[in-house]
Structure formats: structure tokens, C-alpha cells
Amino acid sequence: VFGLTMFESEYRRKEIGIRKIFGSTTGEILRMFNKRYLYILMGCFVVAVPFGWWIGLHWLEGFAEKAPISAWIFLISFLLVTAITLLTVTVQSWRTARENPANSIKTE
């Protein structure tokens, strides 16, 4: 996530500069980046949970004592990954968004 966020913020540096010139605040830019990654996380979660449950269920069948798979495990893991991802995206995007827009536009 760190590398992808760094790449995307560098790639979209001019767009961020133009948005700031037209009046966007740093908070709006951060919201734009965070919303994009949140949608990606939710899509991945919807796809990964059934597979994780199915694989875990079949793996646990091989043991003599059965242990149930609870839904709270998936929920806590989703919340933890979401918090780490949003923190990483916010820090990296904030560095680019607080930069002077004139510097990012005149790089050509």
C-alpha cells in the first residue's frame, strides 16, 4: 500500500496542484484518495472472506478437536487492515497535497 500510494501521489501531482489552484482544500484531496482506497478494500474484503472461511473450514476439519470460525475474526482483520491502509494513504497524500501547487505544475 505504501509503494502504491507513493506512486499514485507522484503520478497525480499535477492533478492535485490544479485542484488546489481551483480551490480544493487539503482535506478534500485526502478524502478523494481515501475514498478510492476504501472502495478497493471493501471489494477485496467481499471477495476474500468467503474464500478465507472456506479454506479455514477445510483446514480445521483435519484436526481432532474442532474450533469454530467466528465472524468477528474477519471483522477485526478488516478493521485493522482498513486503519493501516487509511493511515498510510493519508500520510502519503498529505505530503503531496500540502505542497505548493506552483511547484508541482511547473515541472515540465
PDB file of N, CA and C in Angstrom:
ATOM      1  N   VAL A   1       0.832  -1.186   0.000  1.00  0.00           N
ATOM      2  CA  VAL A   1       0.000   0.000   0.000  1.00  0.00           C
ATOM      3  C   VAL A   1       0.876   1.249   0.000  1.00  0.00           C
ATOM      4  N   PHE A   2       1.976   1.173   0.748  1.00  0.00           N
ATOM      5  CA  PHE A   2       2.874   2.326   0.831  1.00  0.00           C
ATOM      6  C   PHE A   2       3.440   2.675  -0.543  1.00  0.00           C
ATOM      7  N   GLY A   3       3.948   1.679  -1.259  1.00  0.00           N
ATOM      8  CA  GLY A   3       4.520   1.911  -2.580  1.00  0.00           C
ATOM      9  C   GLY A   3       3.483   2.372  -3.584  1.00  0.00           C
ATOM     10  N   LEU A   4       2.305   1.769  -3.552  1.00  0.00           N
ATOM     11  CA  LEU A   4       1.241   2.153  -4.467  1.00  0.00           C
ATOM     12  C   LEU A   4       0.786   3.589  -4.208  1.00  0.00           C
ATOM     13  N   THR A   5       0.685   3.968  -2.963  1.00  0.00           N
ATOM     14  CA  THR A   5       0.280   5.325  -2.620  1.00  0.00           C
ATOM     15  C   THR A   5       1.338   6.339  -3.039  1.00  0.00           C
ATOM     16  N   MET A   6       2.599   6.001  -2.827  1.00  0.00           N
ATOM     17  CA  MET A   6       3.675   6.905  -3.257  1.00  0.00           C
ATOM     18  C   MET A   6       3.650   7.081  -4.770  1.00  0.00           C
ATOM     19  N   PHE A   7       3.485   5.983  -5.502  1.00  0.00           N
ATOM     20  CA  PHE A   7       3.444   6.056  -6.952  1.00  0.00           C
ATOM     21  C   PHE A   7       2.266   6.894  -7.422  1.00  0.00           C
ATOM     22  N   GLU A   8       1.090   6.646  -6.852  1.00  0.00           N
ATOM     23  CA  GLU A   8      -0.103   7.359  -7.295  1.00  0.00           C
ATOM     24  C   GLU A   8      -0.034   8.845  -6.959  1.00  0.00           C
ATOM     25  N   SER A   9       0.483   9.194  -5.791  1.00  0.00           N
ATOM     26  CA  SER A   9       0.565  10.611  -5.436  1.00  0.00           C
ATOM     27  C   SER A   9       1.588  11.334  -6.318  1.00  0.00           C
ATOM     28  N   GLU A  10       2.667  10.667  -6.692  1.00  0.00           N
ATOM     29  CA  GLU A  10       3.630  11.278  -7.617  1.00  0.00           C
ATOM     30  C   GLU A  10       3.031  11.385  -9.013  1.00  0.00           C
ATOM     31  N   TYR A  11       2.309  10.360  -9.421  1.00  0.00           N
ATOM     32  CA  TYR A  11       1.696  10.341 -10.746  1.00  0.00           C
ATOM     33  C   TYR A  11       0.613  11.411 -10.871  1.00  0.00           C
ATOM     34  N   ARG A  12      -0.104  11.673  -9.800  1.00  0.00           N
ATOM     35  CA  ARG A  12      -1.219  12.638  -9.831  1.00  0.00           C
ATOM     36  C   ARG A  12      -0.836  13.988  -9.225  1.00  0.00           C
ATOM     37  N   ARG A  13       0.435  14.282  -9.142  1.00  0.00           N
ATOM     38  CA  ARG A  13       0.918  15.524  -8.545  1.00  0.00           C
ATOM     39  C   ARG A  13       0.343  16.758  -9.244  1.00  0.00           C
ATOM     40  N   LYS A  14       0.337  16.755 -10.577  1.00  0.00           N
ATOM     41  CA  LYS A  14      -0.196  17.911 -11.318  1.00  0.00           C
ATOM     42  C   LYS A  14      -1.694  18.062 -11.111  1.00  0.00           C
ATOM     43  N   GLU A  15      -2.404  16.935 -11.074  1.00  0.00           N
ATOM     44  CA  GLU A  15      -3.840  17.000 -10.826  1.00  0.00           C
ATOM     45  C   GLU A  15      -4.131  17.612  -9.456  1.00  0.00           C
ATOM     46  N   ILE A  16      -3.356  17.213  -8.474  1.00  0.00           N
ATOM     47  CA  ILE A  16      -3.540  17.760  -7.130  1.00  0.00           C
ATOM     48  C   ILE A  16      -3.244  19.252  -7.126  1.00  0.00           C
ATOM     49  N   GLY A  17      -2.181  19.668  -7.827  1.00  0.00           N
ATOM     50  CA  GLY A  17      -1.854  21.091  -7.917  1.00  0.00           C
ATOM     51  C   GLY A  17      -2.965  21.890  -8.574  1.00  0.00           C
ATOM     52  N   ILE A  18      -3.529  21.368  -9.646  1.00  0.00           N
ATOM     53  CA  ILE A  18      -4.622  22.065 -10.335  1.00  0.00           C
ATOM     54  C   ILE A  18      -5.859  22.121  -9.453  1.00  0.00           C
ATOM     55  N   ARG A  19      -6.160  21.051  -8.754  1.00  0.00           N
ATOM     56  CA  ARG A  19      -7.308  21.059  -7.843  1.00  0.00           C
ATOM     57  C   ARG A  19      -7.128  22.112  -6.741  1.00  0.00           C
ATOM     58  N   LYS A  20      -5.895  22.228  -6.236  1.00  0.00           N
ATOM     59  CA  LYS A  20      -5.644  23.227  -5.192  1.00  0.00           C
ATOM     60  C   LYS A  20      -5.763  24.644  -5.748  1.00  0.00           C
ATOM     61  N   ILE A  21      -5.328  24.868  -6.980  1.00  0.00           N
ATOM     62  CA  ILE A  21      -5.452  26.189  -7.591  1.00  0.00           C
ATOM     63  C   ILE A  21      -6.920  26.561  -7.760  1.00  0.00           C
ATOM     64  N   PHE A  22      -7.756  25.583  -8.106  1.00  0.00           N
ATOM     65  CA  PHE A  22      -9.177  25.843  -8.282  1.00  0.00           C
ATOM     66  C   PHE A  22      -9.957  25.857  -6.970  1.00  0.00           C
ATOM     67  N   GLY A  23      -9.267  25.749  -5.844  1.00  0.00           N
ATOM     68  CA  GLY A  23      -9.925  25.968  -4.560  1.00  0.00           C
ATOM     69  C   GLY A  23     -10.145  24.749  -3.687  1.00  0.00           C
ATOM     70  N   SER A  24      -9.672  23.598  -4.087  1.00  0.00           N
ATOM     71  CA  SER A  24      -9.825  22.419  -3.231  1.00  0.00           C
ATOM     72  C   SER A  24      -8.959  22.561  -1.985  1.00  0.00           C
ATOM     73  N   THR A  25      -9.480  22.088  -0.897  1.00  0.00           N
ATOM     74  CA  THR A  25      -8.693  22.094   0.332  1.00  0.00           C
ATOM     75  C   THR A  25      -7.911  20.791   0.432  1.00  0.00           C
ATOM     76  N   THR A  26      -6.975  20.772   1.338  1.00  0.00           N
ATOM     77  CA  THR A  26      -6.183  19.563   1.555  1.00  0.00           C
ATOM     78  C   THR A  26      -7.080  18.423   2.038  1.00  0.00           C
ATOM     79  N   GLY A  27      -8.058  18.738   2.859  1.00  0.00           N
ATOM     80  CA  GLY A  27      -8.993  17.718   3.346  1.00  0.00           C
ATOM     81  C   GLY A  27      -9.798  17.078   2.233  1.00  0.00           C
ATOM     82  N   GLU A  28     -10.219  17.870   1.248  1.00  0.00           N
ATOM     83  CA  GLU A  28     -10.968  17.314   0.124  1.00  0.00           C
ATOM     84  C   GLU A  28     -10.101  16.388  -0.715  1.00  0.00           C
ATOM     85  N   ILE A  29      -8.844  16.745  -0.884  1.00  0.00           N
ATOM     86  CA  ILE A  29      -7.925  15.907  -1.648  1.00  0.00           C
ATOM     87  C   ILE A  29      -7.664  14.598  -0.899  1.00  0.00           C
ATOM     88  N   LEU A  30      -7.479  14.693   0.406  1.00  0.00           N
ATOM     89  CA  LEU A  30      -7.267  13.485   1.206  1.00  0.00           C
ATOM     90  C   LEU A  30      -8.499  12.583   1.173  1.00  0.00           C
ATOM     91  N   ARG A  31      -9.677  13.180   1.226  1.00  0.00           N
ATOM     92  CA  ARG A  31     -10.914  12.413   1.153  1.00  0.00           C
ATOM     93  C   ARG A  31     -11.020  11.678  -0.183  1.00  0.00           C
ATOM     94  N   MET A  32     -10.594  12.354  -1.263  1.00  0.00           N
ATOM     95  CA  MET A  32     -10.643  11.747  -2.584  1.00  0.00           C
ATOM     96  C   MET A  32      -9.759  10.494  -2.638  1.00  0.00           C
ATOM     97  N   PHE A  33      -8.540  10.593  -2.128  1.00  0.00           N
ATOM     98  CA  PHE A  33      -7.639   9.446  -2.121  1.00  0.00           C
ATOM     99  C   PHE A  33      -8.149   8.340  -1.200  1.00  0.00           C
ATOM    100  N   ASN A  34      -8.585   8.709   0.000  1.00  0.00           N
ATOM    101  CA  ASN A  34      -9.051   7.704   0.965  1.00  0.00           C
ATOM    102  C   ASN A  34     -10.291   6.971   0.479  1.00  0.00           C
ATOM    103  N   LYS A  35     -11.200   7.691  -0.160  1.00  0.00           N
ATOM    104  CA  LYS A  35     -12.420   7.069  -0.657  1.00  0.00           C
ATOM    105  C   LYS A  35     -12.095   6.021  -1.719  1.00  0.00           C
ATOM    106  N   ARG A  36     -11.121   6.320  -2.570  1.00  0.00           N
ATOM    107  CA  ARG A  36     -10.723   5.379  -3.614  1.00  0.00           C
ATOM    108  C   ARG A  36     -10.180   4.081  -3.003  1.00  0.00           C
ATOM    109  N   TYR A  37      -9.305   4.207  -2.028  1.00  0.00           N
ATOM    110  CA  TYR A  37      -8.729   3.024  -1.405  1.00  0.00           C
ATOM    111  C   TYR A  37      -9.738   2.278  -0.538  1.00  0.00           C
ATOM    112  N   LEU A  38     -10.687   2.985   0.030  1.00  0.00           N
ATOM    113  CA  LEU A  38     -11.721   2.331   0.824  1.00  0.00           C
ATOM    114  C   LEU A  38     -12.607   1.449  -0.048  1.00  0.00           C
ATOM    115  N   TYR A  39     -12.938   1.919  -1.251  1.00  0.00           N
ATOM    116  CA  TYR A  39     -13.719   1.100  -2.181  1.00  0.00           C
ATOM    117  C   TYR A  39     -12.942  -0.157  -2.583  1.00  0.00           C
ATOM    118  N   ILE A  40     -11.655   0.000  -2.816  1.00  0.00           N
ATOM    119  CA  ILE A  40     -10.822  -1.152  -3.168  1.00  0.00           C
ATOM    120  C   ILE A  40     -10.795  -2.154  -2.016  1.00  0.00           C
ATOM    121  N   LEU A  41     -10.630  -1.656  -0.795  1.00  0.00           N
ATOM    122  CA  LEU A  41     -10.601  -2.539   0.380  1.00  0.00           C
ATOM    123  C   LEU A  41     -11.918  -3.285   0.570  1.00  0.00           C
ATOM    124  N   MET A  42     -13.027  -2.597   0.397  1.00  0.00           N
ATOM    125  CA  MET A  42     -14.321  -3.256   0.570  1.00  0.00           C
ATOM    126  C   MET A  42     -14.534  -4.332  -0.486  1.00  0.00           C
ATOM    127  N   GLY A  43     -14.139  -4.063  -1.719  1.00  0.00           N
ATOM    128  CA  GLY A  43     -14.258  -5.073  -2.769  1.00  0.00           C
ATOM    129  C   GLY A  43     -13.407  -6.297  -2.474  1.00  0.00           C
ATOM    130  N   CYS A  44     -12.190  -6.059  -2.035  1.00  0.00           N
ATOM    131  CA  CYS A  44     -11.301  -7.168  -1.693  1.00  0.00           C
ATOM    132  C   CYS A  44     -11.851  -7.964  -0.509  1.00  0.00           C
ATOM    133  N   PHE A  45     -12.421  -7.286   0.461  1.00  0.00           N
ATOM    134  CA  PHE A  45     -12.980  -7.952   1.626  1.00  0.00           C
ATOM    135  C   PHE A  45     -14.156  -8.848   1.240  1.00  0.00           C
ATOM    136  N   VAL A  46     -15.020  -8.355   0.362  1.00  0.00           N
ATOM    137  CA  VAL A  46     -16.182  -9.127  -0.063  1.00  0.00           C
ATOM    138  C   VAL A  46     -15.747 -10.388  -0.808  1.00  0.00           C
ATOM    139  N   VAL A  47     -14.671 -10.292  -1.571  1.00  0.00           N
ATOM    140  CA  VAL A  47     -14.189 -11.456  -2.310  1.00  0.00           C
ATOM    141  C   VAL A  47     -13.396 -12.401  -1.400  1.00  0.00           C
ATOM    142  N   ALA A  48     -12.604 -11.865  -0.485  1.00  0.00           N
ATOM    143  CA  ALA A  48     -11.675 -12.682   0.300  1.00  0.00           C
ATOM    144  C   ALA A  48     -12.340 -13.430   1.461  1.00  0.00           C
ATOM    145  N   VAL A  49     -13.364 -12.878   2.061  1.00  0.00           N
ATOM    146  CA  VAL A  49     -13.970 -13.515   3.241  1.00  0.00           C
ATOM    147  C   VAL A  49     -14.559 -14.893   2.930  1.00  0.00           C
ATOM    148  N   PRO A  50     -15.337 -15.057   1.870  1.00  0.00           N
ATOM    149  CA  PRO A  50     -15.841 -16.416   1.601  1.00  0.00           C
ATOM    150  C   PRO A  50     -14.722 -17.429   1.339  1.00  0.00           C
ATOM    151  N   PHE A  51     -13.688 -17.007   0.615  1.00  0.00           N
ATOM    152  CA  PHE A  51     -12.571 -17.917   0.374  1.00  0.00           C
ATOM    153  C   PHE A  51     -11.820 -18.226   1.658  1.00  0.00           C
ATOM    154  N   GLY A  52     -11.591 -17.230   2.488  1.00  0.00           N
ATOM    155  CA  GLY A  52     -10.914 -17.461   3.766  1.00  0.00           C
ATOM    156  C   GLY A  52     -11.705 -18.365   4.679  1.00  0.00           C
ATOM    157  N   TRP A  53     -13.005 -18.172   4.711  1.00  0.00           N
ATOM    158  CA  TRP A  53     -13.856 -19.025   5.547  1.00  0.00           C
ATOM    159  C   TRP A  53     -13.829 -20.458   5.037  1.00  0.00           C
ATOM    160  N   TRP A  54     -13.947 -20.633   3.733  1.00  0.00           N
ATOM    161  CA  TRP A  54     -13.971 -21.961   3.130  1.00  0.00           C
ATOM    162  C   TRP A  54     -12.642 -22.690   3.335  1.00  0.00           C
ATOM    163  N   ILE A  55     -11.531 -22.010   3.084  1.00  0.00           N
ATOM    164  CA  ILE A  55     -10.213 -22.617   3.265  1.00  0.00           C
ATOM    165  C   ILE A  55      -9.975 -22.943   4.740  1.00  0.00           C
ATOM    166  N   GLY A  56     -10.333 -22.036   5.637  1.00  0.00           N
ATOM    167  CA  GLY A  56     -10.167 -22.277   7.069  1.00  0.00           C
ATOM    168  C   GLY A  56     -11.010 -23.430   7.564  1.00  0.00           C
ATOM    169  N   LEU A  57     -12.223 -23.534   7.052  1.00  0.00           N
ATOM    170  CA  LEU A  57     -13.123 -24.618   7.449  1.00  0.00           C
ATOM    171  C   LEU A  57     -12.547 -25.971   7.036  1.00  0.00           C
ATOM    172  N   HIS A  58     -12.059 -26.067   5.816  1.00  0.00           N
ATOM    173  CA  HIS A  58     -11.481 -27.335   5.350  1.00  0.00           C
ATOM    174  C   HIS A  58     -10.160 -27.651   6.038  1.00  0.00           C
ATOM    175  N   TRP A  59      -9.398 -26.663   6.382  1.00  0.00           N
ATOM    176  CA  TRP A  59      -8.138 -26.885   7.077  1.00  0.00           C
ATOM    177  C   TRP A  59      -8.390 -27.376   8.506  1.00  0.00           C
ATOM    178  N   LEU A  60      -9.384 -26.788   9.165  1.00  0.00           N
ATOM    179  CA  LEU A  60      -9.685 -27.173  10.541  1.00  0.00           C
ATOM    180  C   LEU A  60     -10.337 -28.548  10.647  1.00  0.00           C
ATOM    181  N   GLU A  61     -10.902 -29.076   9.555  1.00  0.00           N
ATOM    182  CA  GLU A  61     -11.504 -30.408   9.587  1.00  0.00           C
ATOM    183  C   GLU A  61     -10.465 -31.501   9.811  1.00  0.00           C
ATOM    184  N   GLY A  62      -9.219 -31.218   9.535  1.00  0.00           N
ATOM    185  CA  GLY A  62      -8.163 -32.202   9.707  1.00  0.00           C
ATOM    186  C   GLY A  62      -7.734 -32.399  11.144  1.00  0.00           C
ATOM    187  N   PHE A  63      -8.207 -31.597  12.047  1.00  0.00           N
ATOM    188  CA  PHE A  63      -7.823 -31.698  13.455  1.00  0.00           C
ATOM    189  C   PHE A  63      -8.846 -32.523  14.236  1.00  0.00           C
ATOM    190  N   ALA A  64      -8.390 -33.151  15.313  1.00  0.00           N
ATOM    191  CA  ALA A  64      -9.275 -33.985  16.132  1.00  0.00           C
ATOM    192  C   ALA A  64     -10.293 -33.134  16.888  1.00  0.00           C
ATOM    193  N   GLU A  65      -9.830 -32.007  17.420  1.00  0.00           N
ATOM    194  CA  GLU A  65     -10.752 -31.125  18.133  1.00  0.00           C
ATOM    195  C   GLU A  65     -11.147 -29.985  17.213  1.00  0.00           C
ATOM    196  N   LYS A  66     -12.426 -29.757  17.126  1.00  0.00           N
ATOM    197  CA  LYS A  66     -12.942 -28.741  16.213  1.00  0.00           C
ATOM    198  C   LYS A  66     -12.942 -27.368  16.878  1.00  0.00           C
ATOM    199  N   ALA A  67     -12.536 -26.378  16.119  1.00  0.00           N
ATOM    200  CA  ALA A  67     -12.576 -24.988  16.579  1.00  0.00           C
ATOM    201  C   ALA A  67     -13.458 -24.204  15.608  1.00  0.00           C
ATOM    202  N   PRO A  68     -14.422 -23.464  16.128  1.00  0.00           N
ATOM    203  CA  PRO A  68     -15.315 -22.731  15.227  1.00  0.00           C
ATOM    204  C   PRO A  68     -14.620 -21.507  14.622  1.00  0.00           C
ATOM    205  N   ILE A  69     -15.054 -21.150  13.438  1.00  0.00           N
ATOM    206  CA  ILE A  69     -14.571 -19.925  12.790  1.00  0.00           C
ATOM    207  C   ILE A  69     -15.630 -18.864  13.043  1.00  0.00           C
ATOM    208  N   SER A  70     -15.252 -17.834  13.764  1.00  0.00           N
ATOM    209  CA  SER A  70     -16.199 -16.769  14.104  1.00  0.00           C
ATOM    210  C   SER A  70     -16.109 -15.634  13.100  1.00  0.00           C
ATOM    211  N   ALA A  71     -17.203 -14.926  12.956  1.00  0.00           N
ATOM    212  CA  ALA A  71     -17.255 -13.790  12.031  1.00  0.00           C
ATOM    213  C   ALA A  71     -16.445 -12.611  12.558  1.00  0.00           C
ATOM    214  N   TRP A  72     -16.267 -12.526  13.871  1.00  0.00           N
ATOM    215  CA  TRP A  72     -15.549 -11.378  14.433  1.00  0.00           C
ATOM    216  C   TRP A  72     -14.082 -11.387  14.032  1.00  0.00           C
ATOM    217  N   ILE A  73     -13.523 -12.546  13.710  1.00  0.00           N
ATOM    218  CA  ILE A  73     -12.136 -12.615  13.254  1.00  0.00           C
ATOM    219  C   ILE A  73     -11.981 -11.859  11.940  1.00  0.00           C
ATOM    220  N   PHE A  74     -12.929 -12.080  11.034  1.00  0.00           N
ATOM    221  CA  PHE A  74     -12.881 -11.398   9.744  1.00  0.00           C
ATOM    222  C   PHE A  74     -13.142  -9.901   9.905  1.00  0.00           C
ATOM    223  N   LEU A  75     -14.054  -9.553  10.797  1.00  0.00           N
ATOM    224  CA  LEU A  75     -14.362  -8.140  11.014  1.00  0.00           C
ATOM    225  C   LEU A  75     -13.181  -7.390  11.628  1.00  0.00           C
ATOM    226  N   ILE A  76     -12.538  -7.976  12.611  1.00  0.00           N
ATOM    227  CA  ILE A  76     -11.382  -7.326  13.235  1.00  0.00           C
ATOM    228  C   ILE A  76     -10.230  -7.202  12.243  1.00  0.00           C
ATOM    229  N   SER A  77     -10.013  -8.223  11.434  1.00  0.00           N
ATOM    230  CA  SER A  77      -8.936  -8.140  10.447  1.00  0.00           C
ATOM    231  C   SER A  77      -9.237  -7.072   9.406  1.00  0.00           C
ATOM    232  N   PHE A  78     -10.499  -6.944   9.007  1.00  0.00           N
ATOM    233  CA  PHE A  78     -10.874  -5.890   8.056  1.00  0.00           C
ATOM    234  C   PHE A  78     -10.656  -4.507   8.658  1.00  0.00           C
ATOM    235  N   LEU A  79     -11.058  -4.334   9.909  1.00  0.00           N
ATOM    236  CA  LEU A  79     -10.882  -3.034  10.554  1.00  0.00           C
ATOM    237  C   LEU A  79      -9.405  -2.682  10.737  1.00  0.00           C
ATOM    238  N   LEU A  80      -8.602  -3.664  11.076  1.00  0.00           N
ATOM    239  CA  LEU A  80      -7.168  -3.428  11.249  1.00  0.00           C
ATOM    240  C   LEU A  80      -6.497  -3.076   9.921  1.00  0.00           C
ATOM    241  N   VAL A  81      -6.794  -3.811   8.882  1.00  0.00           N
ATOM    242  CA  VAL A  81      -6.214  -3.516   7.565  1.00  0.00           C
ATOM    243  C   VAL A  81      -6.705  -2.169   7.056  1.00  0.00           C
ATOM    244  N   THR A  82      -7.974  -1.849   7.291  1.00  0.00           N
ATOM    245  CA  THR A  82      -8.518  -0.557   6.871  1.00  0.00           C
ATOM    246  C   THR A  82      -7.825   0.586   7.596  1.00  0.00           C
ATOM    247  N   ALA A  83      -7.615   0.455   8.885  1.00  0.00           N
ATOM    248  CA  ALA A  83      -6.956   1.522   9.647  1.00  0.00           C
ATOM    249  C   ALA A  83      -5.523   1.734   9.164  1.00  0.00           C
ATOM    250  N   ILE A  84      -4.794   0.663   8.949  1.00  0.00           N
ATOM    251  CA  ILE A  84      -3.414   0.797   8.475  1.00  0.00           C
ATOM    252  C   ILE A  84      -3.373   1.400   7.081  1.00  0.00           C
ATOM    253  N   THR A  85      -4.264   0.959   6.211  1.00  0.00           N
ATOM    254  CA  THR A  85      -4.290   1.479   4.843  1.00  0.00           C
ATOM    255  C   THR A  85      -4.658   2.949   4.816  1.00  0.00           C
ATOM    256  N   LEU A  86      -5.692   3.343   5.541  1.00  0.00           N
ATOM    257  CA  LEU A  86      -6.106   4.743   5.531  1.00  0.00           C
ATOM    258  C   LEU A  86      -5.056   5.642   6.166  1.00  0.00           C
ATOM    259  N   LEU A  87      -4.374   5.162   7.183  1.00  0.00           N
ATOM    260  CA  LEU A  87      -3.288   5.933   7.783  1.00  0.00           C
ATOM    261  C   LEU A  87      -2.153   6.132   6.784  1.00  0.00           C
ATOM    262  N   THR A  88      -1.774   5.077   6.089  1.00  0.00           N
ATOM    263  CA  THR A  88      -0.708   5.166   5.090  1.00  0.00           C
ATOM    264  C   THR A  88      -1.098   6.097   3.948  1.00  0.00           C
ATOM    265  N   VAL A  89      -2.312   5.952   3.439  1.00  0.00           N
ATOM    266  CA  VAL A  89      -2.778   6.792   2.329  1.00  0.00           C
ATOM    267  C   VAL A  89      -2.856   8.250   2.758  1.00  0.00           C
ATOM    268  N   THR A  90      -3.335   8.505   3.960  1.00  0.00           N
ATOM    269  CA  THR A  90      -3.453   9.873   4.436  1.00  0.00           C
ATOM    270  C   THR A  90      -2.095  10.536   4.579  1.00  0.00           C
ATOM    271  N   VAL A  91      -1.140   9.844   5.161  1.00  0.00           N
ATOM    272  CA  VAL A  91       0.187  10.434   5.359  1.00  0.00           C
ATOM    273  C   VAL A  91       0.848  10.722   4.018  1.00  0.00           C
ATOM    274  N   GLN A  92       0.829   9.764   3.102  1.00  0.00           N
ATOM    275  CA  GLN A  92       1.482   9.958   1.813  1.00  0.00           C
ATOM    276  C   GLN A  92       0.783  11.028   0.986  1.00  0.00           C
ATOM    277  N   SER A  93      -0.526  11.032   0.963  1.00  0.00           N
ATOM    278  CA  SER A  93      -1.267  12.025   0.188  1.00  0.00           C
ATOM    279  C   SER A  93      -1.143  13.411   0.803  1.00  0.00           C
ATOM    280  N   TRP A  94      -1.054  13.472   2.107  1.00  0.00           N
ATOM    281  CA  TRP A  94      -0.930  14.763   2.777  1.00  0.00           C
ATOM    282  C   TRP A  94       0.375  15.443   2.405  1.00  0.00           C
ATOM    283  N   ARG A  95       1.435  14.667   2.273  1.00  0.00           N
ATOM    284  CA  ARG A  95       2.718  15.228   1.862  1.00  0.00           C
ATOM    285  C   ARG A  95       2.620  15.889   0.491  1.00  0.00           C
ATOM    286  N   THR A  96       1.927  15.249  -0.428  1.00  0.00           N
ATOM    287  CA  THR A  96       1.771  15.809  -1.765  1.00  0.00           C
ATOM    288  C   THR A  96       0.771  16.953  -1.774  1.00  0.00           C
ATOM    289  N   ALA A  97      -0.297  16.841  -0.997  1.00  0.00           N
ATOM    290  CA  ALA A  97      -1.357  17.850  -1.024  1.00  0.00           C
ATOM    291  C   ALA A  97      -0.951  19.159  -0.358  1.00  0.00           C
ATOM    292  N   ARG A  98      -0.033  19.126   0.579  1.00  0.00           N
ATOM    293  CA  ARG A  98       0.358  20.378   1.245  1.00  0.00           C
ATOM    294  C   ARG A  98       1.455  21.118   0.495  1.00  0.00           C
ATOM    295  N   GLU A  99       1.952  20.534  -0.569  1.00  0.00           N
ATOM    296  CA  GLU A  99       2.996  21.154  -1.374  1.00  0.00           C
ATOM    297  C   GLU A  99       2.436  22.360  -2.134  1.00  0.00           C
ATOM    298  N   ASN A 100       3.294  23.309  -2.434  1.00  0.00           N
ATOM    299  CA  ASN A 100       2.885  24.493  -3.193  1.00  0.00           C
ATOM    300  C   ASN A 100       2.454  24.055  -4.591  1.00  0.00           C
ATOM    301  N   PRO A 101       1.221  24.408  -5.024  1.00  0.00           N
ATOM    302  CA  PRO A 101       0.742  23.950  -6.327  1.00  0.00           C
ATOM    303  C   PRO A 101       1.575  24.474  -7.497  1.00  0.00           C
ATOM    304  N   ALA A 102       2.186  25.621  -7.338  1.00  0.00           N
ATOM    305  CA  ALA A 102       3.005  26.178  -8.417  1.00  0.00           C
ATOM    306  C   ALA A 102       4.225  25.291  -8.700  1.00  0.00           C
ATOM    307  N   ASN A 103       4.782  24.699  -7.665  1.00  0.00           N
ATOM    308  CA  ASN A 103       5.929  23.819  -7.856  1.00  0.00           C
ATOM    309  C   ASN A 103       5.568  22.538  -8.588  1.00  0.00           C
ATOM    310  N   SER A 104       4.406  22.006  -8.343  1.00  0.00           N
ATOM    311  CA  SER A 104       4.027  20.740  -8.989  1.00  0.00           C
ATOM    312  C   SER A 104       3.590  20.929 -10.438  1.00  0.00           C
ATOM    313  N   ILE A 105       3.102  22.119 -10.780  1.00  0.00           N
ATOM    314  CA  ILE A 105       2.643  22.344 -12.138  1.00  0.00           C
ATOM    315  C   ILE A 105       3.787  22.695 -13.088  1.00  0.00           C
ATOM    316  N   LYS A 106       4.789  23.378 -12.618  1.00  0.00           N
ATOM    317  CA  LYS A 106       5.852  23.851 -13.497  1.00  0.00           C
ATOM    318  C   LYS A 106       7.009  22.860 -13.639  1.00  0.00           C
ATOM    319  N   THR A 107       6.765  21.584 -13.460  1.00  0.00           N
ATOM    320  CA  THR A 107       7.846  20.603 -13.526  1.00  0.00           C
ATOM    321  C   THR A 107       8.244  20.229 -14.943  1.00  0.00           C
ATOM    322  N   GLU A 108       7.495  20.621 -15.962  1.00  0.00           N
ATOM    323  CA  GLU A 108       7.849  20.263 -17.340  1.00  0.00           C
ATOM    324  C   GLU A 108       8.889  21.199 -17.906  1.00  0.00           C
TER     325      GLU A 108
END
